[in-house]
Amino acid sequence: MLSRMHTHEQYCRMAAQFGRARRPDNVPTVLLQGRVAPDARERVAQAAEESGVSVSYYLERLIRDLVMEHGALPLVDKPVPQREELPIPAA
């Protein structure tokens, strides 16, 4: 098991990938989480990779650019409710 553990130096390097843009030191950040479809995650990851930035930085810039362009984040339609019922056997 010890062979799978990371050294302190390896752990510190994991957060920042070599050659990626970084946020200035001491800039406060907060956690933002949400579940998305696998294809949406892949598109964001690919766009971030092609931009040479982390996914976090890419999303932060995307939000900033949308706010600058529209004055606020655009509103979206609510999801369409699923009309399919799960087959539940009668008791």
Protein backbone atom coordinates (compact mmCIF):
# COMPACT_ATOMS: atom_id res chain seq x y z
CA MET A 1 0.00 0.00 0.00
CA LEU A 2 2.79 2.47 0.71
CA SER A 3 3.89 2.34 -2.92
CA ARG A 4 0.55 3.90 -3.97
CA MET A 5 0.81 6.87 -1.62
CA HIS A 6 2.08 10.19 -2.93
CA THR A 7 4.92 12.17 -1.45
CA HIS A 8 4.18 15.70 -0.23
CA GLU A 9 5.94 17.11 -3.30
CA GLN A 10 3.85 14.96 -5.69
CA TYR A 11 0.65 15.95 -3.90
CA CYS A 12 1.45 19.66 -4.21
CA ARG A 13 2.11 19.32 -7.95
CA MET A 14 -1.18 17.51 -8.68
CA ALA A 15 -3.37 20.63 -8.41
CA ALA A 16 -1.47 22.63 -11.00
CA GLN A 17 -0.69 21.01 -14.32
CA PHE A 18 2.54 22.04 -15.99
CA GLY A 19 2.11 24.86 -18.49
CA ARG A 20 -1.42 25.77 -17.41
CA ALA A 21 -2.47 29.31 -16.52
CA ARG A 22 -2.74 29.89 -12.78
CA ARG A 23 -4.74 32.27 -10.64
CA PRO A 24 -2.68 34.90 -8.75
CA ASP A 25 -1.68 33.89 -5.23
CA ASN A 26 -4.00 34.76 -2.34
CA VAL A 27 -7.10 35.10 -4.53
CA PRO A 28 -9.99 33.59 -2.56
CA THR A 29 -11.86 30.69 -4.14
CA VAL A 30 -14.91 28.59 -3.24
CA LEU A 31 -16.05 25.14 -4.29
CA LEU A 32 -18.64 24.93 -7.10
CA GLN A 33 -20.14 21.51 -7.80
CA GLY A 34 -22.87 20.13 -10.01
CA ARG A 35 -23.66 17.01 -11.97
CA VAL A 36 -23.67 17.26 -15.75
CA ALA A 37 -24.01 14.82 -18.64
CA PRO A 38 -20.75 13.06 -19.59
CA ASP A 39 -20.68 14.77 -23.00
CA ALA A 40 -20.99 18.22 -21.38
CA ARG A 41 -18.08 17.43 -19.07
CA GLU A 42 -16.00 16.21 -22.00
CA ARG A 43 -16.72 19.36 -24.02
CA VAL A 44 -15.67 21.60 -21.13
CA ALA A 45 -12.55 19.52 -20.47
CA GLN A 46 -11.61 19.61 -24.17
CA ALA A 47 -12.15 23.37 -24.43
CA ALA A 48 -10.06 23.92 -21.30
CA GLU A 49 -7.31 21.67 -22.63
CA GLU A 50 -7.26 23.47 -25.99
CA SER A 51 -7.19 26.81 -24.15
CA GLY A 52 -4.25 25.61 -22.04
CA VAL A 53 -6.08 26.22 -18.75
CA SER A 54 -7.66 24.13 -16.00
CA VAL A 55 -11.36 23.29 -16.08
CA SER A 56 -11.88 25.53 -13.05
CA TYR A 57 -10.19 28.49 -14.71
CA TYR A 58 -12.06 27.85 -17.97
CA LEU A 59 -15.44 27.88 -16.20
CA GLU A 60 -14.53 31.00 -14.23
CA ARG A 61 -13.53 32.85 -17.42
CA LEU A 62 -16.62 31.61 -19.26
CA ILE A 63 -18.84 32.98 -16.49
CA ARG A 64 -16.96 36.27 -16.45
CA ASP A 65 -17.16 36.64 -20.23
CA LEU A 66 -20.91 35.90 -20.27
CA VAL A 67 -21.52 38.49 -17.53
CA MET A 68 -19.42 41.07 -19.39
CA GLU A 69 -21.27 40.38 -22.64
CA HIS A 70 -24.83 40.24 -21.25
CA GLY A 71 -24.60 42.18 -17.98
CA ALA A 72 -25.55 39.00 -16.06
CA LEU A 73 -25.58 35.28 -16.57
CA PRO A 74 -28.24 34.28 -19.12
CA LEU A 75 -31.34 32.53 -17.82
CA VAL A 76 -32.10 29.04 -19.12
CA ASP A 77 -35.32 27.06 -19.54
CA LYS A 78 -36.29 24.59 -16.85
CA PRO A 79 -35.70 20.94 -17.75
CA VAL A 80 -38.59 19.12 -19.38
CA PRO A 81 -40.07 16.61 -16.91
CA GLN A 82 -39.68 12.99 -17.85
CA ARG A 83 -42.96 11.43 -18.93
CA GLU A 84 -41.80 7.88 -18.52
CA GLU A 85 -43.02 6.04 -15.45
CA LEU A 86 -40.88 3.42 -13.76
CA PRO A 87 -42.38 -0.07 -13.87
CA ILE A 88 -43.30 -0.82 -10.24
CA PRO A 89 -44.97 -4.17 -9.70
CA ALA A 90 -48.24 -4.14 -7.74
CA ALA A 91 -47.92 -5.33 -4.15
